[in-house]
Amino acid sequence: MPKDVILTTVGLEKLKVELAHLQGDKRREVAQRIKEAREFGDITENSEYDDAKNEQAMLEARIAQVEDRLRSATVVAAEDVSTDVVQVGSIVNVKNEQTGKTQKFTIVGSPEAKPPERLSYESPVGKALLGRKRNDIVDVALPNGRNVRFKITKIDIGL
């Protein structure tokens, strides 16, 4: 059973555009490669044909993955996000209590994550920030074994 995928409206649109491209232009391109490879003769010892068929299998797997994500997607719209508490769709400004350095994170679903600016709500920092309020102090255990302490200085809507 697929787990729910949380997406912003921007992330949803990007997946739809990607799916249309994969199902349209990319499928035609791969089908053309297979057709051209068949023209080389015996397909049992035809590396071009094997490569094209492998690309087709990977393409179909990606299409299935994107379709699955779209089917199980929960979309977070701007009107669902508040500036009172950190949630998916929030832009969170934090100050590192040890170094004094400030950072800005946008909390998104895992398909949209692009660290360090766009963090998944499932990441260590994303999990630690979720549900917190302005001026909260948050301790985060990072994957590299270090601990960091953030103070939330501002919460905005990031959609």
N, C-alpha and C. Protein backbone atom coordinates (compact mmCIF):
# COMPACT_ATOMS: atom_id res chain seq x y z
N MET A 1 0.85 -1.18 0.00
CA MET A 1 0.00 0.00 0.00
C MET A 1 0.89 1.24 0.00
N PRO A 2 0.73 2.15 -0.98
CA PRO A 2 1.57 3.33 -1.04
C PRO A 2 1.25 4.28 0.10
N LYS A 3 2.31 4.93 0.60
CA LYS A 3 2.06 5.92 1.65
C LYS A 3 1.65 7.24 1.01
N ASP A 4 0.93 8.04 1.79
CA ASP A 4 0.49 9.33 1.28
C ASP A 4 1.69 10.21 0.96
N VAL A 5 1.57 10.94 -0.11
CA VAL A 5 2.59 11.88 -0.54
C VAL A 5 2.03 13.27 -0.32
N ILE A 6 2.76 14.09 0.41
CA ILE A 6 2.31 15.47 0.63
C ILE A 6 3.05 16.36 -0.36
N LEU A 7 2.27 17.13 -1.10
CA LEU A 7 2.83 18.03 -2.11
C LEU A 7 2.25 19.43 -1.96
N THR A 8 3.03 20.41 -2.36
CA THR A 8 2.51 21.76 -2.48
C THR A 8 1.83 21.84 -3.85
N THR A 9 1.09 22.90 -4.10
CA THR A 9 0.44 23.05 -5.41
C THR A 9 1.49 23.15 -6.52
N VAL A 10 2.63 23.77 -6.22
CA VAL A 10 3.72 23.87 -7.20
C VAL A 10 4.29 22.47 -7.50
N GLY A 11 4.50 21.68 -6.46
CA GLY A 11 5.01 20.33 -6.63
C GLY A 11 4.06 19.46 -7.43
N LEU A 12 2.76 19.62 -7.19
CA LEU A 12 1.75 18.87 -7.93
C LEU A 12 1.83 19.20 -9.42
N GLU A 13 1.92 20.49 -9.73
CA GLU A 13 2.01 20.91 -11.13
C GLU A 13 3.28 20.38 -11.80
N LYS A 14 4.40 20.40 -11.08
CA LYS A 14 5.64 19.88 -11.65
C LYS A 14 5.52 18.41 -11.98
N LEU A 15 4.89 17.63 -11.08
CA LEU A 15 4.70 16.20 -11.36
C LEU A 15 3.79 15.99 -12.56
N LYS A 16 2.74 16.79 -12.68
CA LYS A 16 1.84 16.65 -13.83
C LYS A 16 2.55 16.96 -15.14
N VAL A 17 3.39 18.00 -15.13
CA VAL A 17 4.15 18.36 -16.33
C VAL A 17 5.14 17.25 -16.67
N GLU A 18 5.82 16.72 -15.65
CA GLU A 18 6.77 15.63 -15.89
C GLU A 18 6.06 14.41 -16.48
N LEU A 19 4.90 14.05 -15.92
CA LEU A 19 4.15 12.90 -16.41
C LEU A 19 3.74 13.09 -17.88
N ALA A 20 3.26 14.26 -18.20
CA ALA A 20 2.86 14.54 -19.59
C ALA A 20 4.05 14.40 -20.53
N HIS A 21 5.21 14.90 -20.12
CA HIS A 21 6.43 14.79 -20.93
C HIS A 21 6.84 13.33 -21.10
N LEU A 22 6.83 12.57 -20.01
CA LEU A 22 7.24 11.17 -20.07
C LEU A 22 6.29 10.35 -20.94
N GLN A 23 4.99 10.59 -20.79
CA GLN A 23 4.00 9.81 -21.54
C GLN A 23 3.92 10.24 -23.00
N GLY A 24 4.35 11.44 -23.29
CA GLY A 24 4.27 11.95 -24.66
C GLY A 24 5.58 11.86 -25.39
N ASP A 25 6.35 12.95 -25.34
CA ASP A 25 7.60 13.06 -26.09
C ASP A 25 8.58 11.95 -25.77
N LYS A 26 8.77 11.67 -24.49
CA LYS A 26 9.79 10.68 -24.10
C LYS A 26 9.43 9.28 -24.58
N ARG A 27 8.15 8.89 -24.45
CA ARG A 27 7.72 7.57 -24.94
C ARG A 27 7.93 7.46 -26.45
N ARG A 28 7.58 8.51 -27.18
CA ARG A 28 7.77 8.48 -28.64
C ARG A 28 9.25 8.37 -28.98
N GLU A 29 10.08 9.10 -28.26
CA GLU A 29 11.53 9.06 -28.50
C GLU A 29 12.08 7.65 -28.28
N VAL A 30 11.69 7.01 -27.21
CA VAL A 30 12.17 5.66 -26.91
C VAL A 30 11.63 4.66 -27.93
N ALA A 31 10.37 4.80 -28.31
CA ALA A 31 9.78 3.91 -29.31
C ALA A 31 10.53 4.03 -30.64
N GLN A 32 10.92 5.25 -30.99
CA GLN A 32 11.68 5.48 -32.22
C GLN A 32 13.06 4.81 -32.13
N ARG A 33 13.70 4.89 -30.96
CA ARG A 33 15.00 4.23 -30.78
C ARG A 33 14.87 2.71 -30.94
N ILE A 34 13.80 2.15 -30.40
CA ILE A 34 13.57 0.70 -30.52
C ILE A 34 13.35 0.34 -31.99
N LYS A 35 12.56 1.13 -32.68
CA LYS A 35 12.29 0.87 -34.10
C LYS A 35 13.57 0.90 -34.91
N GLU A 36 14.41 1.93 -34.67
CA GLU A 36 15.67 2.05 -35.40
C GLU A 36 16.61 0.90 -35.07
N ALA A 37 16.64 0.48 -33.82
CA ALA A 37 17.52 -0.63 -33.42
C ALA A 37 17.08 -1.94 -34.06
N ARG A 38 15.78 -2.13 -34.22
CA ARG A 38 15.27 -3.35 -34.87
C ARG A 38 15.76 -3.43 -36.32
N GLU A 39 15.91 -2.28 -36.94
CA GLU A 39 16.32 -2.24 -38.34
C GLU A 39 17.76 -2.69 -38.54
N PHE A 40 18.53 -2.78 -37.45
CA PHE A 40 19.92 -3.26 -37.56
C PHE A 40 19.99 -4.77 -37.76
N GLY A 41 18.87 -5.45 -37.62
CA GLY A 41 18.86 -6.89 -37.87
C GLY A 41 18.55 -7.69 -36.62
N ASP A 42 19.21 -8.82 -36.47
CA ASP A 42 18.98 -9.79 -35.40
C ASP A 42 19.00 -9.11 -34.02
N ILE A 43 17.85 -9.14 -33.31
CA ILE A 43 17.77 -8.45 -32.03
C ILE A 43 18.39 -9.24 -30.88
N THR A 44 18.73 -10.50 -31.11
CA THR A 44 19.32 -11.30 -30.02
C THR A 44 20.73 -10.84 -29.68
N GLU A 45 21.44 -10.25 -30.64
CA GLU A 45 22.80 -9.76 -30.37
C GLU A 45 22.93 -8.29 -30.76
N ASN A 46 21.90 -7.53 -30.44
CA ASN A 46 21.84 -6.14 -30.85
C ASN A 46 21.88 -5.26 -29.59
N SER A 47 23.03 -4.67 -29.30
CA SER A 47 23.18 -3.88 -28.07
C SER A 47 22.34 -2.60 -28.11
N GLU A 48 22.16 -2.02 -29.29
CA GLU A 48 21.33 -0.82 -29.40
C GLU A 48 19.89 -1.14 -29.01
N TYR A 49 19.42 -2.31 -29.46
CA TYR A 49 18.06 -2.74 -29.13
C TYR A 49 17.94 -2.99 -27.62
N ASP A 50 18.93 -3.67 -27.04
CA ASP A 50 18.92 -3.94 -25.60
C ASP A 50 18.92 -2.64 -24.80
N ASP A 51 19.75 -1.69 -25.21
CA ASP A 51 19.80 -0.39 -24.53
C ASP A 51 18.46 0.34 -24.61
N ALA A 52 17.85 0.32 -25.79
CA ALA A 52 16.57 1.00 -25.97
C ALA A 52 15.48 0.33 -25.14
N LYS A 53 15.48 -1.00 -25.09
CA LYS A 53 14.48 -1.71 -24.28
C LYS A 53 14.70 -1.44 -22.79
N ASN A 54 15.96 -1.36 -22.35
CA ASN A 54 16.24 -1.02 -20.95
C ASN A 54 15.76 0.39 -20.63
N GLU A 55 16.00 1.31 -21.55
CA GLU A 55 15.53 2.69 -21.35
C GLU A 55 14.00 2.72 -21.28
N GLN A 56 13.35 1.92 -22.11
CA GLN A 56 11.90 1.84 -22.08
C GLN A 56 11.40 1.32 -20.73
N ALA A 57 12.06 0.31 -20.20
CA ALA A 57 11.67 -0.25 -18.90
C ALA A 57 11.84 0.79 -17.79
N MET A 58 12.94 1.53 -17.82
CA MET A 58 13.16 2.57 -16.81
C MET A 58 12.13 3.70 -16.96
N LEU A 59 11.81 4.04 -18.18
CA LEU A 59 10.81 5.08 -18.45
C LEU A 59 9.45 4.66 -17.90
N GLU A 60 9.05 3.43 -18.19
CA GLU A 60 7.75 2.95 -17.71
C GLU A 60 7.71 2.87 -16.20
N ALA A 61 8.83 2.52 -15.57
CA ALA A 61 8.90 2.49 -14.10
C ALA A 61 8.73 3.89 -13.54
N ARG A 62 9.37 4.89 -14.15
CA ARG A 62 9.24 6.27 -13.69
C ARG A 62 7.81 6.77 -13.89
N ILE A 63 7.20 6.43 -15.01
CA ILE A 63 5.81 6.83 -15.25
C ILE A 63 4.91 6.24 -14.17
N ALA A 64 5.11 4.96 -13.85
CA ALA A 64 4.30 4.32 -12.81
C ALA A 64 4.52 4.99 -11.46
N GLN A 65 5.77 5.36 -11.16
CA GLN A 65 6.09 6.02 -9.89
C GLN A 65 5.39 7.38 -9.80
N VAL A 66 5.45 8.16 -10.87
CA VAL A 66 4.83 9.49 -10.87
C VAL A 66 3.30 9.35 -10.77
N GLU A 67 2.73 8.41 -11.51
CA GLU A 67 1.28 8.19 -11.44
C GLU A 67 0.87 7.80 -10.02
N ASP A 68 1.67 6.95 -9.38
CA ASP A 68 1.38 6.52 -8.01
C ASP A 68 1.44 7.71 -7.05
N ARG A 69 2.45 8.56 -7.22
CA ARG A 69 2.56 9.75 -6.36
C ARG A 69 1.36 10.67 -6.55
N LEU A 70 0.94 10.85 -7.79
CA LEU A 70 -0.21 11.72 -8.04
C LEU A 70 -1.49 11.14 -7.46
N ARG A 71 -1.65 9.81 -7.55
CA ARG A 71 -2.84 9.16 -6.99
C ARG A 71 -2.91 9.29 -5.47
N SER A 72 -1.76 9.20 -4.81
CA SER A 72 -1.76 9.21 -3.35
C SER A 72 -1.41 10.58 -2.77
N ALA A 73 -1.42 11.61 -3.61
CA ALA A 73 -1.00 12.94 -3.17
C ALA A 73 -2.06 13.64 -2.33
N THR A 74 -1.59 14.26 -1.27
CA THR A 74 -2.39 15.20 -0.50
C THR A 74 -1.77 16.56 -0.79
N VAL A 75 -2.57 17.47 -1.30
CA VAL A 75 -2.05 18.77 -1.71
C VAL A 75 -2.30 19.80 -0.62
N VAL A 76 -1.23 20.52 -0.28
CA VAL A 76 -1.31 21.59 0.71
C VAL A 76 -1.39 22.91 -0.04
N ALA A 77 -2.47 23.62 0.13
CA ALA A 77 -2.68 24.90 -0.53
C ALA A 77 -2.33 26.03 0.43
N ALA A 78 -2.06 27.20 -0.12
CA ALA A 78 -1.67 28.36 0.68
C ALA A 78 -2.68 28.69 1.77
N GLU A 79 -3.96 28.53 1.48
CA GLU A 79 -4.98 28.85 2.47
C GLU A 79 -5.00 27.86 3.65
N ASP A 80 -4.33 26.71 3.47
CA ASP A 80 -4.26 25.72 4.55
C ASP A 80 -3.08 25.96 5.50
N VAL A 81 -2.21 26.88 5.14
CA VAL A 81 -0.98 27.12 5.91
C VAL A 81 -1.12 28.40 6.72
N SER A 82 -0.67 28.34 7.96
CA SER A 82 -0.71 29.55 8.79
C SER A 82 0.72 29.93 9.19
N THR A 83 0.83 31.13 9.73
CA THR A 83 2.15 31.59 10.20
C THR A 83 2.30 31.39 11.70
N ASP A 84 1.35 30.71 12.32
CA ASP A 84 1.40 30.47 13.76
C ASP A 84 2.27 29.29 14.13
N VAL A 85 2.28 28.27 13.27
CA VAL A 85 2.98 27.03 13.58
C VAL A 85 3.64 26.50 12.31
N VAL A 86 4.78 25.82 12.46
CA VAL A 86 5.50 25.27 11.31
C VAL A 86 4.74 24.04 10.80
N GLN A 87 4.50 24.03 9.50
CA GLN A 87 3.83 22.91 8.86
C GLN A 87 4.33 22.81 7.42
N VAL A 88 3.90 21.78 6.70
CA VAL A 88 4.28 21.66 5.30
C VAL A 88 3.75 22.90 4.58
N GLY A 89 4.63 23.55 3.84
CA GLY A 89 4.28 24.78 3.16
C GLY A 89 4.80 26.03 3.86
N SER A 90 5.40 25.85 5.04
CA SER A 90 5.94 26.99 5.80
C SER A 90 7.37 27.30 5.36
N ILE A 91 7.70 28.59 5.40
CA ILE A 91 9.09 29.03 5.31
C ILE A 91 9.49 29.38 6.73
N VAL A 92 10.55 28.74 7.21
CA VAL A 92 10.96 28.90 8.60
C VAL A 92 12.33 29.56 8.64
N ASN A 93 12.41 30.70 9.30
CA ASN A 93 13.69 31.35 9.54
C ASN A 93 14.17 30.91 10.92
N VAL A 94 15.40 30.42 10.97
CA VAL A 94 15.97 29.96 12.24
C VAL A 94 17.33 30.58 12.46
N LYS A 95 17.70 30.64 13.73
CA LYS A 95 19.03 31.11 14.10
C LYS A 95 19.72 29.96 14.83
N ASN A 96 20.91 29.59 14.35
CA ASN A 96 21.69 28.56 15.00
C ASN A 96 22.20 29.15 16.31
N GLU A 97 21.79 28.56 17.42
CA GLU A 97 22.13 29.09 18.74
C GLU A 97 23.63 28.97 19.04
N GLN A 98 24.33 28.01 18.44
CA GLN A 98 25.76 27.85 18.70
C GLN A 98 26.61 28.82 17.88
N THR A 99 26.23 29.01 16.58
CA THR A 99 27.07 29.82 15.70
C THR A 99 26.51 31.22 15.45
N GLY A 100 25.23 31.43 15.71
CA GLY A 100 24.60 32.72 15.44
C GLY A 100 24.17 32.87 13.98
N LYS A 101 24.48 31.88 13.16
CA LYS A 101 24.14 31.93 11.73
C LYS A 101 22.63 31.75 11.55
N THR A 102 22.06 32.53 10.62
CA THR A 102 20.64 32.39 10.33
C THR A 102 20.45 31.60 9.03
N GLN A 103 19.37 30.84 8.98
CA GLN A 103 19.04 30.05 7.81
C GLN A 103 17.54 30.13 7.56
N LYS A 104 17.18 29.81 6.32
CA LYS A 104 15.77 29.80 5.94
C LYS A 104 15.48 28.45 5.30
N PHE A 105 14.46 27.75 5.80
CA PHE A 105 14.05 26.46 5.26
C PHE A 105 12.59 26.53 4.81
N THR A 106 12.30 25.92 3.69
CA THR A 106 10.91 25.72 3.28
C THR A 106 10.60 24.25 3.55
N ILE A 107 9.53 23.98 4.27
CA ILE A 107 9.16 22.62 4.62
C ILE A 107 8.20 22.10 3.54
N VAL A 108 8.60 21.00 2.90
CA VAL A 108 7.83 20.44 1.79
C VAL A 108 7.72 18.92 1.95
N GLY A 109 6.96 18.29 1.05
CA GLY A 109 6.91 16.84 1.00
C GLY A 109 8.19 16.30 0.39
N SER A 110 8.48 15.04 0.63
CA SER A 110 9.75 14.47 0.17
C SER A 110 9.99 14.55 -1.34
N PRO A 111 8.97 14.45 -2.21
CA PRO A 111 9.27 14.56 -3.65
C PRO A 111 9.79 15.94 -4.06
N GLU A 112 9.51 16.97 -3.26
CA GLU A 112 9.92 18.33 -3.60
C GLU A 112 11.20 18.77 -2.88
N ALA A 113 11.72 17.94 -2.01
CA ALA A 113 12.86 18.34 -1.19
C ALA A 113 14.11 18.56 -2.04
N LYS A 114 14.80 19.63 -1.76
CA LYS A 114 16.09 19.96 -2.39
C LYS A 114 16.93 20.65 -1.33
N PRO A 115 17.52 19.83 -0.43
CA PRO A 115 18.30 20.40 0.67
C PRO A 115 19.42 21.28 0.14
N PRO A 116 19.83 22.29 0.85
CA PRO A 116 19.43 22.61 2.21
C PRO A 116 18.27 23.60 2.31
N GLU A 117 17.79 24.17 1.19
CA GLU A 117 16.73 25.18 1.29
C GLU A 117 15.34 24.57 1.45
N ARG A 118 15.05 23.53 0.67
CA ARG A 118 13.72 22.90 0.69
C ARG A 118 13.86 21.55 1.39
N LEU A 119 13.38 21.49 2.63
CA LEU A 119 13.54 20.29 3.45
C LEU A 119 12.25 19.49 3.53
N SER A 120 12.39 18.19 3.45
CA SER A 120 11.25 17.31 3.63
C SER A 120 10.81 17.36 5.08
N TYR A 121 9.50 17.26 5.29
CA TYR A 121 8.98 17.20 6.65
C TYR A 121 9.41 15.90 7.34
N GLU A 122 9.95 14.95 6.55
CA GLU A 122 10.41 13.68 7.10
C GLU A 122 11.90 13.71 7.47
N SER A 123 12.62 14.76 7.07
CA SER A 123 14.04 14.88 7.38
C SER A 123 14.21 15.20 8.86
N PRO A 124 15.41 14.98 9.42
CA PRO A 124 15.60 15.28 10.84
C PRO A 124 15.26 16.73 11.22
N VAL A 125 15.71 17.68 10.43
CA VAL A 125 15.41 19.09 10.73
C VAL A 125 13.94 19.37 10.51
N GLY A 126 13.38 18.87 9.40
CA GLY A 126 11.95 19.07 9.13
C GLY A 126 11.07 18.51 10.23
N LYS A 127 11.38 17.29 10.68
CA LYS A 127 10.61 16.67 11.78
C LYS A 127 10.69 17.51 13.05
N ALA A 128 11.89 17.99 13.35
CA ALA A 128 12.09 18.75 14.58
C ALA A 128 11.34 20.09 14.55
N LEU A 129 11.25 20.70 13.37
CA LEU A 129 10.59 22.00 13.26
C LEU A 129 9.07 21.90 13.19
N LEU A 130 8.57 20.81 12.64
CA LEU A 130 7.13 20.64 12.45
C LEU A 130 6.36 20.79 13.75
N GLY A 131 5.33 21.62 13.72
CA GLY A 131 4.48 21.83 14.89
C GLY A 131 5.01 22.85 15.89
N ARG A 132 6.19 23.41 15.63
CA ARG A 132 6.78 24.39 16.54
C ARG A 132 6.32 25.79 16.20
N LYS A 133 6.53 26.71 17.16
CA LYS A 133 6.10 28.10 17.00
C LYS A 133 7.29 29.05 17.03
N ARG A 134 7.00 30.30 16.68
CA ARG A 134 8.02 31.34 16.70
C ARG A 134 8.61 31.45 18.11
N ASN A 135 9.91 31.64 18.21
CA ASN A 135 10.70 31.75 19.43
C ASN A 135 10.94 30.41 20.13
N ASP A 136 10.42 29.30 19.59
CA ASP A 136 10.74 27.98 20.16
C ASP A 136 12.20 27.66 19.91
N ILE A 137 12.81 26.97 20.86
CA ILE A 137 14.17 26.45 20.72
C ILE A 137 14.03 24.97 20.35
N VAL A 138 14.71 24.56 19.27
CA VAL A 138 14.58 23.21 18.75
C VAL A 138 15.96 22.55 18.71
N ASP A 139 16.09 21.41 19.36
CA ASP A 139 17.32 20.62 19.29
C ASP A 139 17.15 19.55 18.23
N VAL A 140 18.14 19.45 17.32
CA VAL A 140 18.07 18.50 16.21
C VAL A 140 19.31 17.63 16.21
N ALA A 141 19.10 16.32 16.16
CA ALA A 141 20.21 15.38 15.98
C ALA A 141 20.37 15.17 14.47
N LEU A 142 21.50 15.62 13.94
CA LEU A 142 21.75 15.51 12.51
C LEU A 142 22.27 14.12 12.16
N PRO A 143 22.11 13.69 10.90
CA PRO A 143 22.58 12.37 10.48
C PRO A 143 24.09 12.16 10.65
N ASN A 144 24.86 13.26 10.64
CA ASN A 144 26.31 13.13 10.79
C ASN A 144 26.74 12.96 12.25
N GLY A 145 25.76 12.86 13.15
CA GLY A 145 26.06 12.64 14.56
C GLY A 145 26.13 13.91 15.39
N ARG A 146 26.18 15.06 14.75
CA ARG A 146 26.21 16.33 15.48
C ARG A 146 24.81 16.73 15.92
N ASN A 147 24.77 17.54 16.93
CA ASN A 147 23.51 18.13 17.38
C ASN A 147 23.56 19.62 17.11
N VAL A 148 22.41 20.17 16.77
CA VAL A 148 22.34 21.60 16.51
C VAL A 148 21.10 22.13 17.22
N ARG A 149 21.19 23.35 17.68
CA ARG A 149 20.07 23.98 18.37
C ARG A 149 19.67 25.22 17.57
N PHE A 150 18.40 25.25 17.16
CA PHE A 150 17.85 26.37 16.40
C PHE A 150 16.82 27.11 17.23
N LYS A 151 16.77 28.42 17.02
CA LYS A 151 15.67 29.23 17.54
C LYS A 151 14.86 29.68 16.33
N ILE A 152 13.56 29.42 16.36
CA ILE A 152 12.69 29.83 15.26
C ILE A 152 12.43 31.33 15.40
N THR A 153 12.84 32.09 14.38
CA THR A 153 12.70 33.55 14.45
C THR A 153 11.52 34.08 13.65
N LYS A 154 11.08 33.31 12.64
CA LYS A 154 9.98 33.79 11.80
C LYS A 154 9.39 32.61 11.04
N ILE A 155 8.07 32.64 10.85
CA ILE A 155 7.36 31.63 10.06
C ILE A 155 6.53 32.36 9.03
N ASP A 156 6.75 32.02 7.74
CA ASP A 156 5.99 32.60 6.64
C ASP A 156 5.30 31.49 5.85
N ILE A 157 4.42 31.88 4.97
CA ILE A 157 3.77 30.93 4.08
C ILE A 157 4.61 30.83 2.82
N GLY A 158 4.99 29.60 2.47
CA GLY A 158 5.91 29.40 1.36
C GLY A 158 5.29 28.88 0.09
N LEU A 159 3.99 29.00 -0.05
CA LEU A 159 3.35 28.46 -1.26
C LEU A 159 2.98 29.57 -2.21
